[in-house]
Structures are given as structure tokens and as C-alpha cells.
Amino acid sequence: MWACIFFVSLCLIEVRAQDAAFSQYYASGLYLNPAMAGVYSNLTFNSSYRNQWRSVANIPYVTNQISLIKPLYSKRGIEDAHLGGLGLSIYNDRAGDGNFKTIGINLNAAYNLWLSSNRKNCITFGLQGGIVQRNIDFTNLQWGSQFNPYIGYDVTELVSEESINTGRIYADVSAGAIYYYNAGRDYSEKGYSAYMGIAAYHLTSPNESMVKGVINKVPYLFKLHAGFEVKAGERWNISPNVLVLSQNPFRQINAGAYFTYVFNDQKKFLAPRDVIFGGWYRLQDAFIASLGLGNDNYMIGFSYDYNASALKSISRGRGAYEISLTLMKVRESRSRRFYTPRI
């Protein structure tokens, strides 16, 4: 309860909050970078669920998202040219028992600029626009001014409705770009693929304040993500990668690697082919372990964050867990254009 009261209190005054983030950030591509709408070469559905701080709050903080990406093609000669893609994403964030909720609905459009005739070099540009709604349910909160030493908390003394907005809706705009090299490389081929992306969120600096007459602009959020994938053996691929986020005074750095093992050569729809496991360190915050299983048609992922910050004594090391699901409608004539990483 107290953790949630503290969090909501911060949201009511002029502070610079931090956007929610996923450990399996590539399972939520449109949440990572608007340009990801142009990366997927097949119709793709992504979903993610994150549950955290269960050991601290009575009700855990929950973040989830779903997205749908539709690639766009044009006919050029005997091959289809991947022009880019369109995307739709919805995310929901609920902060504990105070019922501080954020819901966002976004539309994405991306364009692929091919830099070489062999299609090994490409820059994808993406734009995202949408609506965000925030709500607070004050009925579950208790404030110091409500405490009566004789009867306890007097729930009849509520926060003034004249000064507090229980809900706010605002428009939001973001943009991003991704460069990748040789991303269509098949598992059986030697060599490597590489990528680097940048994204900027909240470009219009919308007002998120829940207090009437107070302006509290959402701070810009900048993301840098990069990595590469290299064939390490007949059935092994290694993919080191890094993610850097910067939002006002906050900084977050994730560094680690995926390891992919191809254990099944069958191409049945439900038969798993790849097992992907990895580990990261989120600087001064947590160690992350992940495991994924799937093939070209689907991927199921699970990850767990072990808290390693100063809050470890309170949380007993329990950070968060995530579950992700990716479904793809594969067309044999269209190879996947982005392999690193895939959970």
C-alpha cells in the first residue's frame, strides 16, 4: 500500500516519471522503436506481459502490450520489394493497488530505404502517433490527512475533486530509425548480420499532470539499441546486443547476449525448431535470464529479473517476470529480414 501511495503521490506533483520498459524488449518491437513496423517481412502479432514488485506491493505492477504489423510490398521484376509496413499497438500499465492506469493506442508507419542492390544494407524510418489515457482511482488510497488517532483512517475525507483530475487524455508522437546489414542471412550461412537503431518518444511534450492548472510535460525518451548475430557452429548462433534508454535524469543500460540452438530440421507448424536462451545485466538494477522456444511461425519467451539494486533487501531479490508470444504468418517467397534477436 505505502509503495503505491508514494508512487501516485509523485505522479500528482511536478516530477519527471519514467516510462515502463520490458526486459524482452524485442518481443514488443513497436514499443521499442516505431521503425520496427518496417522490419518484419511477414504479418506478425506480438504480445508481452510483465509482472513486477509483487514482494513489495500488495498488488503487483503489471505492464502488457499487444501489437500487429502488416508488411507492405510492391512488385519489382520477379521479386516483391519490401517497402515498409504498418502497425497497431496497444499497451496497458497498472501501478499496484492505487489503480494508477495508463492505456495507450498507437498507429505506426515505416519506410525501408535500400542502400544497395544486393539488399544487404537498409535504413528503416518509422513514425508513431496515438492517444494515451491515464486514470487514478482514489477510493483505494489512504492519505495522512485522513488519519484519526481515535478511529483510524476516515475514508470520508477524500482528495478534493476540484483540484485533481481522475483522468487525462493526450496525444503522443514518436519516431525512430534502424540500420541493418545482411539481416536476411539464413542460419545455414556463414557470416554475420548487424543492426543499430535509435528512437525518440514524446516529441510533442504532452501535458500528463493530474492536477488541474498544473503543466507537467512528459519528458523525452531516447533509445539506442544495437547488436549483431554470428554463426558459431553448425547449429549455433550468438547474438550480443545492448539497449540504452535515457529519459530526463534517468538512464538504463541493458547488455547481454542471446544464444540460439537449432535442434530440429522439421518445418511443421507446431514443431519447435529453435531454443533461444540468454542473459543480461541491467546496470545497477538487475540480472535477467530468458528462455525461448519456437520456429518461423511462432516464438514463446519467458524471462526473470533478479533484483540486484539497493532494493534487494526489501524485495528479497524478486524483481519481475515476463511472458511473450509472437505469431507470424509466413509466406515462403518472403524471407525474414531481421534475425537479431527474436524473442
Protein backbone atom coordinates (compact mmCIF):
# COMPACT_ATOMS: atom_id res chain seq x y z
CA MET A 1 0.00 0.00 0.00
CA TRP A 2 2.64 2.54 1.06
CA ALA A 3 4.73 1.88 -2.05
CA CYS A 4 1.73 2.61 -4.23
CA ILE A 5 0.80 5.76 -2.26
CA PHE A 6 4.34 7.05 -2.72
CA PHE A 7 4.23 6.32 -6.47
CA VAL A 8 0.85 8.00 -7.00
CA SER A 9 1.89 11.00 -4.87
CA LEU A 10 4.85 11.52 -7.20
CA CYS A 11 2.51 11.42 -10.18
CA LEU A 12 0.35 14.21 -8.71
CA ILE A 13 3.16 16.72 -8.33
CA GLU A 14 5.54 18.07 -10.96
CA VAL A 15 8.06 15.28 -11.45
CA ARG A 16 9.65 13.54 -14.41
CA ALA A 17 8.33 10.00 -14.43
CA GLN A 18 9.94 7.13 -16.32
CA ASP A 19 8.20 5.06 -18.99
CA ALA A 20 7.65 1.37 -18.30
CA ALA A 21 10.13 -0.95 -20.01
CA PHE A 22 10.26 -4.62 -20.98
CA SER A 23 13.20 -6.95 -20.38
CA GLN A 24 12.25 -8.89 -23.54
CA TYR A 25 12.21 -5.66 -25.47
CA TYR A 26 12.32 -7.28 -28.93
CA ALA A 27 9.11 -9.19 -28.23
CA SER A 28 7.45 -5.76 -28.16
CA GLY A 29 9.00 -4.27 -31.28
CA LEU A 30 6.68 -1.30 -31.73
CA TYR A 31 7.17 -0.41 -28.07
CA LEU A 32 10.93 -0.41 -28.67
CA ASN A 33 11.16 1.59 -31.89
CA PRO A 34 8.50 2.89 -34.33
CA ALA A 35 10.74 1.78 -37.22
CA MET A 36 10.18 -1.87 -36.28
CA ALA A 37 6.97 -1.70 -38.33
CA GLY A 38 9.15 -1.88 -41.45
CA VAL A 39 11.44 -4.65 -40.23
CA TYR A 40 9.10 -7.64 -40.15
CA SER A 41 8.60 -9.23 -43.56
CA ASN A 42 5.54 -11.29 -42.56
CA LEU A 43 2.23 -10.49 -40.90
CA THR A 44 3.24 -10.56 -37.22
CA PHE A 45 1.41 -10.48 -33.90
CA ASN A 46 3.32 -9.75 -30.68
CA SER A 47 2.17 -9.81 -27.06
CA SER A 48 4.02 -9.28 -23.79
CA TYR A 49 3.06 -9.48 -20.11
CA ARG A 50 5.28 -8.13 -17.29
CA ASN A 51 4.62 -8.62 -13.57
CA GLN A 52 6.87 -6.89 -11.02
CA TRP A 53 7.23 -5.78 -7.38
CA ARG A 54 4.90 -8.49 -6.06
CA SER A 55 7.10 -8.82 -2.96
CA VAL A 56 6.78 -5.08 -2.20
CA ALA A 57 3.23 -4.07 -3.15
CA ASN A 58 0.03 -5.88 -2.16
CA ILE A 59 -0.92 -5.94 -5.82
CA PRO A 60 1.97 -6.20 -8.32
CA TYR A 61 2.70 -3.63 -11.00
CA VAL A 62 1.58 -5.06 -14.34
CA THR A 63 2.52 -3.94 -17.86
CA ASN A 64 1.33 -5.61 -21.04
CA GLN A 65 1.18 -4.84 -24.73
CA ILE A 66 -0.11 -6.32 -27.98
CA SER A 67 0.84 -5.29 -31.49
CA LEU A 68 0.08 -6.22 -35.09
CA ILE A 69 2.42 -5.49 -38.01
CA LYS A 70 1.41 -5.64 -41.68
CA PRO A 71 4.33 -5.52 -44.17
CA LEU A 72 3.93 -3.57 -47.42
CA TYR A 73 5.30 -4.85 -50.74
CA SER A 74 5.48 -3.73 -54.34
CA LYS A 75 6.12 -5.95 -57.34
CA ARG A 76 9.52 -5.34 -58.94
CA GLY A 77 10.52 -7.89 -61.54
CA ILE A 78 10.21 -11.44 -60.25
CA GLU A 79 10.58 -10.46 -56.59
CA ASP A 80 8.48 -8.49 -54.16
CA ALA A 81 10.20 -5.36 -52.82
CA HIS A 82 9.67 -4.80 -49.11
CA LEU A 83 8.64 -1.14 -48.92
CA GLY A 84 7.96 -0.96 -45.20
CA GLY A 85 4.98 -1.69 -43.00
CA LEU A 86 2.01 -0.53 -40.94
CA GLY A 87 1.48 -1.30 -37.27
CA LEU A 88 -1.10 -1.08 -34.50
CA SER A 89 -0.10 -1.37 -30.84
CA ILE A 90 -1.92 -1.17 -27.51
CA TYR A 91 -0.25 -1.09 -24.12
CA ASN A 92 -1.57 -1.00 -20.57
CA ASP A 93 0.30 -0.23 -17.35
CA ARG A 94 -1.24 -0.62 -13.88
CA ALA A 95 0.63 0.60 -10.81
CA GLY A 96 -0.40 -1.51 -7.82
CA ASP A 97 -3.43 -1.11 -5.57
CA GLY A 98 -3.78 2.61 -6.25
CA ASN A 99 -5.14 1.71 -9.67
CA PHE A 100 -2.99 4.27 -11.45
CA LYS A 101 -3.53 3.09 -15.02
CA THR A 102 -2.05 4.13 -18.33
CA ILE A 103 -3.51 2.93 -21.64
CA GLY A 104 -2.01 3.84 -25.00
CA ILE A 105 -3.17 3.12 -28.55
CA ASN A 106 -0.72 3.86 -31.38
CA LEU A 107 -0.56 3.61 -35.17
CA ASN A 108 2.79 3.09 -36.90
CA ALA A 109 4.08 3.56 -40.43
CA ALA A 110 7.58 2.70 -41.64
CA TYR A 111 9.51 3.05 -44.89
CA ASN A 112 12.51 0.95 -46.00
CA LEU A 113 15.30 2.73 -47.86
CA TRP A 114 17.52 0.12 -49.52
CA LEU A 115 21.12 1.32 -49.83
CA SER A 116 22.49 -1.44 -52.07
CA SER A 117 21.21 -3.55 -54.96
CA ASN A 118 22.00 -6.81 -53.13
CA ARG A 119 19.67 -5.73 -50.32
CA LYS A 120 22.25 -6.17 -47.62
CA ASN A 121 22.12 -2.56 -46.45
CA CYS A 122 18.91 -0.86 -45.43
CA ILE A 123 17.69 2.03 -43.29
CA THR A 124 14.14 1.88 -41.99
CA PHE A 125 12.36 5.07 -40.89
CA GLY A 126 9.31 4.91 -38.65
CA LEU A 127 6.69 7.29 -37.30
CA GLN A 128 4.21 6.63 -34.50
CA GLY A 129 1.18 8.58 -33.34
CA GLY A 130 -1.50 7.77 -30.82
CA ILE A 131 -3.63 8.57 -27.81
CA VAL A 132 -2.72 7.98 -24.14
CA GLN A 133 -5.23 7.88 -21.28
CA ARG A 134 -4.26 7.97 -17.59
CA ASN A 135 -6.62 7.33 -14.68
CA ILE A 136 -6.36 7.24 -10.88
CA ASP A 137 -8.86 5.54 -8.55
CA PHE A 138 -8.58 7.41 -5.23
CA THR A 139 -11.02 5.14 -3.39
CA ASN A 140 -8.26 2.60 -2.67
CA LEU A 141 -5.77 5.16 -1.30
CA GLN A 142 -5.27 6.41 2.26
CA TRP A 143 -3.64 9.75 3.00
CA GLY A 144 -2.08 11.19 6.14
CA SER A 145 -4.74 13.90 6.36
CA GLN A 146 -7.40 11.18 6.66
CA PHE A 147 -5.85 9.57 9.76
CA ASN A 148 -7.76 9.99 13.01
CA PRO A 149 -5.96 8.61 16.12
CA TYR A 150 -9.28 7.52 17.59
CA ILE A 151 -10.97 5.82 14.65
CA GLY A 152 -8.07 5.21 12.24
CA TYR A 153 -8.43 6.34 8.64
CA ASP A 154 -11.51 8.45 7.92
CA VAL A 155 -12.42 7.46 4.36
CA THR A 156 -14.99 10.26 4.15
CA GLU A 157 -12.18 12.81 3.85
CA LEU A 158 -11.15 12.33 0.25
CA VAL A 159 -8.90 14.27 -2.06
CA SER A 160 -10.68 17.31 -3.43
CA GLU A 161 -12.24 16.58 -6.80
CA GLU A 162 -11.95 20.27 -7.60
CA SER A 163 -8.14 20.16 -7.76
CA ILE A 164 -7.48 16.64 -9.06
CA ASN A 165 -8.24 15.11 -12.45
CA THR A 166 -9.10 11.43 -12.09
CA GLY A 167 -8.33 11.02 -15.80
CA ARG A 168 -6.33 12.68 -18.56
CA ILE A 169 -6.13 12.04 -22.30
CA TYR A 170 -3.37 13.39 -24.54
CA ALA A 171 -1.90 12.81 -28.00
CA ASP A 172 1.62 11.43 -28.35
CA VAL A 173 4.07 11.30 -31.28
CA SER A 174 7.34 9.34 -31.63
CA ALA A 175 9.84 8.49 -34.37
CA GLY A 176 12.77 6.16 -34.97
CA ALA A 177 15.20 4.66 -37.47
CA ILE A 178 17.06 1.36 -37.82
CA TYR A 179 20.06 0.44 -39.96
CA TYR A 180 20.75 -3.22 -40.59
CA TYR A 181 23.25 -5.21 -42.61
CA ASN A 182 22.70 -8.68 -44.06
CA ALA A 183 19.68 -9.26 -41.86
CA GLY A 184 18.16 -11.84 -44.20
CA ARG A 185 21.06 -14.25 -43.68
CA ASP A 186 19.87 -17.82 -43.20
CA TYR A 187 21.02 -19.94 -40.25
CA SER A 188 22.97 -22.26 -42.53
CA GLU A 189 25.05 -19.42 -44.00
CA LYS A 190 28.29 -18.24 -42.51
CA GLY A 191 28.97 -14.58 -41.86
CA TYR A 192 27.06 -12.18 -39.69
CA SER A 193 24.22 -9.69 -39.58
CA ALA A 194 24.22 -6.43 -37.64
CA TYR A 195 21.85 -3.63 -36.72
CA MET A 196 21.63 -0.32 -34.88
CA GLY A 197 18.51 1.67 -34.05
CA ILE A 198 17.59 4.99 -32.46
CA ALA A 199 14.19 6.23 -31.32
CA ALA A 200 12.75 9.37 -29.73
CA TYR A 201 9.44 9.32 -27.86
CA HIS A 202 7.02 12.06 -26.70
CA LEU A 203 8.17 14.54 -29.34
CA THR A 204 5.17 16.82 -28.74
CA SER A 205 5.89 17.06 -24.96
CA PRO A 206 2.27 16.38 -23.92
CA ASN A 207 0.98 17.51 -20.52
CA GLU A 208 0.46 14.50 -18.22
CA SER A 209 -0.37 16.35 -14.98
CA MET A 210 -3.31 15.03 -12.96
CA VAL A 211 -3.58 18.34 -11.07
CA LYS A 212 -5.83 20.97 -12.60
CA GLY A 213 -4.00 24.11 -13.66
CA VAL A 214 -0.57 22.45 -13.43
CA ILE A 215 1.56 21.71 -16.50
CA ASN A 216 3.84 18.67 -16.26
CA LYS A 217 5.19 17.74 -19.67
CA VAL A 218 6.16 14.17 -20.43
CA PRO A 219 9.98 14.15 -20.75
CA TYR A 220 11.57 12.99 -23.99
CA LEU A 221 12.60 9.34 -24.03
CA PHE A 222 15.58 8.37 -26.21
CA LYS A 223 16.52 4.78 -27.05
CA LEU A 224 19.63 3.33 -28.65
CA HIS A 225 19.74 -0.39 -29.45
CA ALA A 226 22.39 -2.31 -31.35
CA GLY A 227 23.85 -5.77 -31.84
CA PHE A 228 24.89 -8.44 -34.27
CA GLU A 229 24.45 -12.17 -34.90
CA VAL A 230 27.22 -14.53 -35.93
CA LYS A 231 27.24 -18.23 -36.74
CA ALA A 232 29.28 -20.03 -34.05
CA GLY A 233 28.83 -23.62 -35.24
CA GLU A 234 26.75 -25.88 -37.43
CA ARG A 235 23.67 -25.27 -35.28
CA TRP A 236 24.71 -22.40 -33.01
CA ASN A 237 24.24 -18.66 -33.42
CA ILE A 238 25.36 -15.97 -30.97
CA SER A 239 23.78 -12.54 -30.75
CA PRO A 240 25.35 -9.93 -28.41
CA ASN A 241 23.23 -6.79 -28.05
CA VAL A 242 22.77 -3.65 -25.98
CA LEU A 243 19.91 -1.29 -25.14
CA VAL A 244 20.37 2.22 -23.73
CA LEU A 245 17.46 4.37 -22.54
CA SER A 246 17.65 8.00 -21.44
CA GLN A 247 14.72 9.97 -20.03
CA ASN A 248 15.47 13.21 -18.21
CA PRO A 249 17.77 12.24 -15.28
CA PHE A 250 17.13 8.51 -15.67
CA ARG A 251 19.50 6.17 -17.51
CA GLN A 252 19.07 2.47 -18.18
CA ILE A 253 21.59 0.17 -19.86
CA ASN A 254 20.93 -3.48 -20.74
CA ALA A 255 23.85 -5.52 -22.06
CA GLY A 256 23.97 -9.23 -22.79
CA ALA A 257 23.56 -11.88 -25.47
CA TYR A 258 21.24 -14.47 -26.99
CA PHE A 259 22.34 -17.98 -27.89
CA THR A 260 20.29 -19.86 -30.48
CA TYR A 261 20.46 -23.62 -30.98
CA VAL A 262 18.70 -25.23 -33.95
CA PHE A 263 17.78 -28.73 -32.77
CA ASN A 264 15.07 -29.69 -35.25
CA ASP A 265 15.11 -29.54 -39.06
CA GLN A 266 11.40 -30.23 -39.49
CA LYS A 267 9.21 -27.48 -40.89
CA LYS A 268 5.92 -28.46 -39.28
CA PHE A 269 3.80 -25.58 -38.00
CA LEU A 270 3.80 -26.59 -34.31
CA ALA A 271 7.11 -28.46 -34.14
CA PRO A 272 9.65 -26.27 -32.30
CA ARG A 273 12.93 -25.82 -34.14
CA ASP A 274 14.91 -23.27 -32.14
CA VAL A 275 15.70 -22.90 -28.47
CA ILE A 276 16.94 -19.44 -27.54
CA PHE A 277 18.40 -18.60 -24.15
CA GLY A 278 20.18 -15.52 -22.96
CA GLY A 279 21.39 -13.38 -20.09
CA TRP A 280 21.72 -9.63 -19.49
CA TYR A 281 22.73 -7.22 -16.83
CA ARG A 282 20.66 -4.07 -16.36
CA LEU A 283 23.24 -1.71 -14.91
CA GLN A 284 22.86 -1.17 -11.14
CA ASP A 285 19.44 -2.82 -11.22
CA ALA A 286 19.02 -6.49 -12.13
CA PHE A 287 20.30 -9.66 -13.73
CA ILE A 288 17.99 -11.02 -16.45
CA ALA A 289 17.69 -14.60 -17.70
CA SER A 290 15.47 -15.60 -20.64
CA LEU A 291 14.39 -18.72 -22.48
CA GLY A 292 12.50 -19.04 -25.76
CA LEU A 293 11.17 -21.86 -27.91
CA GLY A 294 9.66 -21.79 -31.39
CA ASN A 295 10.16 -21.72 -35.15
CA ASP A 296 9.43 -19.39 -38.08
CA ASN A 297 5.71 -19.44 -37.23
CA TYR A 298 5.80 -18.67 -33.52
CA MET A 299 8.03 -17.93 -30.55
CA ILE A 300 7.22 -18.25 -26.85
CA GLY A 301 9.54 -16.50 -24.40
CA PHE A 302 9.95 -16.31 -20.63
CA SER A 303 12.34 -14.12 -18.66
CA TYR A 304 13.03 -13.37 -15.00
CA ASP A 305 14.68 -10.33 -13.41
CA TYR A 306 16.69 -10.89 -10.24
CA ASN A 307 16.89 -7.59 -8.41
CA ALA A 308 20.46 -6.53 -7.63
CA SER A 309 19.89 -2.89 -6.63
CA ALA A 310 19.68 -1.28 -3.19
CA LEU A 311 16.07 -2.51 -3.02
CA LYS A 312 17.27 -6.11 -2.90
CA SER A 313 16.85 -6.28 0.88
CA ILE A 314 13.21 -5.18 0.59
CA SER A 315 12.28 -7.19 -2.49
CA ARG A 316 14.34 -10.23 -1.36
CA GLY A 317 15.81 -10.26 -4.86
CA ARG A 318 12.44 -10.72 -6.52
CA GLY A 319 12.23 -8.41 -9.48
CA ALA A 320 9.90 -9.27 -12.34
CA TYR A 321 8.91 -11.98 -14.76
CA GLU A 322 7.75 -11.64 -18.35
CA ILE A 323 5.92 -13.87 -20.80
CA SER A 324 5.90 -13.14 -24.53
CA LEU A 325 4.25 -14.66 -27.58
CA THR A 326 4.98 -13.93 -31.24
CA LEU A 327 2.91 -15.35 -34.10
CA MET A 328 3.83 -14.97 -37.78
CA LYS A 329 2.00 -15.81 -40.98
CA VAL A 330 4.96 -16.92 -43.07
CA ARG A 331 5.00 -16.74 -46.85
CA GLU A 332 7.72 -18.93 -48.33
CA SER A 333 8.58 -16.39 -51.01
CA ARG A 334 9.44 -13.76 -48.39
CA SER A 335 12.44 -14.33 -46.16
CA ARG A 336 12.62 -12.79 -42.74
CA ARG A 337 14.61 -9.56 -42.87
CA PHE A 338 15.56 -9.25 -39.23
CA TYR A 339 17.09 -12.00 -37.13
CA THR A 340 18.72 -10.28 -34.19
CA PRO A 341 17.34 -11.05 -31.68
CA ARG A 342 13.98 -12.79 -31.99
CA ILE A 343 12.35 -13.21 -28.57
